[in-house]
Amino acid sequence: MQKYFLCRYDELSEGQSKGFSLGDTAAGTDNVFAVMKDGEVYAYKNTCPHQGINLDWQPDQFLDPDGALIQCASHGALFLIESGECIAGPCAGEALTPVPVEHSPEGLYVLLAD
């Protein structure tokens, strides 16, 4: 497992989403995003299960207009924030790939498989 720093606690607010590029560009990067809901941080790979494309069409825009669900900007698929399960759209029944989040005094880290 590889550990990557995401952000300080004050850089991700309740009801907000934020995208991150992680890793060495020479070795390829992993794109992930994090969402804070009810004080919990949820992180997922930034890949829609429908066609493997990024979910956001603008930086840090991963949520529907109400901020209640994760939304794929390309196909409108909707995902539960807490589980990543697709509840509407072309990939209904599939799910986003979760990324473990680690809390530390410095802020938030994610763990990615090597």
Protein backbone atom coordinates (compact mmCIF):
# COMPACT_ATOMS: atom_id res chain seq x y z
CA MET A 1 0.00 0.00 0.00
CA GLN A 2 1.14 3.50 -0.81
CA LYS A 3 0.13 6.40 1.43
CA TYR A 4 -0.64 9.82 -0.13
CA PHE A 5 -1.38 13.12 1.57
CA LEU A 6 -4.68 14.64 0.39
CA CYS A 7 -5.23 17.84 2.32
CA ARG A 8 -5.42 19.56 5.66
CA TYR A 9 -8.69 19.29 7.57
CA ASP A 10 -9.61 22.92 6.85
CA GLU A 11 -9.35 22.32 3.07
CA LEU A 12 -12.41 20.03 2.91
CA SER A 13 -15.65 21.32 4.38
CA GLU A 14 -18.99 19.71 5.14
CA GLY A 15 -20.94 19.08 1.94
CA GLN A 16 -17.90 19.78 -0.23
CA SER A 17 -16.03 17.58 -2.71
CA LYS A 18 -12.44 17.90 -3.86
CA GLY A 19 -10.39 16.08 -6.49
CA PHE A 20 -6.73 15.06 -6.23
CA SER A 21 -4.03 13.72 -8.58
CA LEU A 22 -1.70 11.39 -6.74
CA GLY A 23 1.53 9.65 -7.57
CA ASP A 24 4.54 10.15 -9.77
CA THR A 25 3.68 11.43 -13.24
CA ALA A 26 6.42 9.23 -14.73
CA ALA A 27 4.72 6.15 -13.27
CA GLY A 28 1.20 7.36 -14.02
CA THR A 29 -1.17 9.06 -11.62
CA ASP A 30 -4.22 7.98 -9.71
CA ASN A 31 -7.06 10.45 -9.58
CA VAL A 32 -9.23 10.33 -6.48
CA PHE A 33 -11.80 12.58 -4.88
CA ALA A 34 -13.07 13.06 -1.37
CA VAL A 35 -16.43 14.19 -0.01
CA MET A 36 -17.27 15.24 3.55
CA LYS A 37 -20.77 14.33 4.70
CA ASP A 38 -22.01 14.43 8.30
CA GLY A 39 -18.42 14.89 9.50
CA GLU A 40 -17.19 11.74 7.72
CA VAL A 41 -14.77 11.77 4.79
CA TYR A 42 -15.41 9.37 1.91
CA ALA A 43 -12.87 8.89 -0.88
CA TYR A 44 -13.19 7.13 -4.23
CA LYS A 45 -11.21 6.70 -7.42
CA ASN A 46 -12.30 9.31 -9.94
CA THR A 47 -13.58 6.76 -12.44
CA CYS A 48 -17.18 6.15 -13.46
CA PRO A 49 -17.93 2.41 -13.65
CA HIS A 50 -19.96 2.99 -16.84
CA GLN A 51 -17.10 3.93 -19.19
CA GLY A 52 -14.07 4.47 -16.98
CA ILE A 53 -14.03 8.25 -17.45
CA ASN A 54 -13.57 10.94 -14.80
CA LEU A 55 -16.73 11.91 -12.95
CA ASP A 56 -16.12 15.66 -12.80
CA TRP A 57 -16.39 18.10 -15.68
CA GLN A 58 -15.09 21.04 -13.65
CA PRO A 59 -12.48 20.89 -10.90
CA ASP A 60 -13.88 19.68 -7.56
CA GLN A 61 -17.43 19.30 -8.95
CA PHE A 62 -18.47 15.78 -7.97
CA LEU A 63 -21.86 16.38 -6.35
CA ASP A 64 -25.36 16.89 -7.71
CA PRO A 65 -26.91 20.39 -7.37
CA ASP A 66 -28.35 19.51 -3.93
CA GLY A 67 -25.01 18.15 -2.68
CA ALA A 68 -26.78 14.94 -1.67
CA LEU A 69 -25.30 12.51 -4.23
CA ILE A 70 -22.15 12.04 -6.29
CA GLN A 71 -22.95 12.66 -9.96
CA CYS A 72 -21.14 11.68 -13.15
CA ALA A 73 -20.98 14.82 -15.28
CA SER A 74 -20.94 12.85 -18.54
CA HIS A 75 -23.87 10.48 -18.11
CA GLY A 76 -25.74 11.79 -15.08
CA ALA A 77 -25.29 8.60 -13.05
CA LEU A 78 -25.98 9.16 -9.34
CA PHE A 79 -24.04 7.49 -6.52
CA LEU A 80 -24.58 7.35 -2.76
CA ILE A 81 -21.86 9.30 -0.96
CA GLU A 82 -21.58 6.79 1.89
CA SER A 83 -21.12 3.64 -0.23
CA GLY A 84 -20.41 4.71 -3.81
CA GLU A 85 -23.34 2.58 -5.04
CA CYS A 86 -24.90 3.76 -8.30
CA ILE A 87 -28.63 4.25 -7.74
CA ALA A 88 -29.55 5.82 -11.10
CA GLY A 89 -28.09 5.95 -14.58
CA PRO A 90 -26.39 3.59 -17.02
CA CYS A 91 -24.34 1.83 -14.32
CA ALA A 92 -27.15 1.29 -11.75
CA GLY A 93 -26.21 -1.48 -9.34
CA GLU A 94 -22.46 -0.98 -9.85
CA ALA A 95 -20.29 1.12 -7.53
CA LEU A 96 -17.38 3.52 -7.38
CA THR A 97 -14.06 2.13 -6.14
CA PRO A 98 -13.56 3.21 -2.52
CA VAL A 99 -10.18 4.43 -1.28
CA PRO A 100 -9.32 4.04 2.43
CA VAL A 101 -8.91 7.34 4.28
CA GLU A 102 -6.49 7.78 7.16
CA HIS A 103 -6.69 10.67 9.62
CA SER A 104 -3.50 12.14 11.07
CA PRO A 105 -2.53 15.33 12.90
CA GLU A 106 -1.40 16.83 9.55
CA GLY A 107 -4.66 16.08 7.77
CA LEU A 108 -6.13 13.40 5.49
CA TYR A 109 -4.24 10.65 3.70
CA VAL A 110 -5.44 7.92 1.34
CA LEU A 111 -4.02 4.44 0.91
CA LEU A 112 -3.66 3.03 -2.60
CA ALA A 113 -2.52 -0.43 -3.66
CA ASP A 114 0.94 -0.54 -5.25
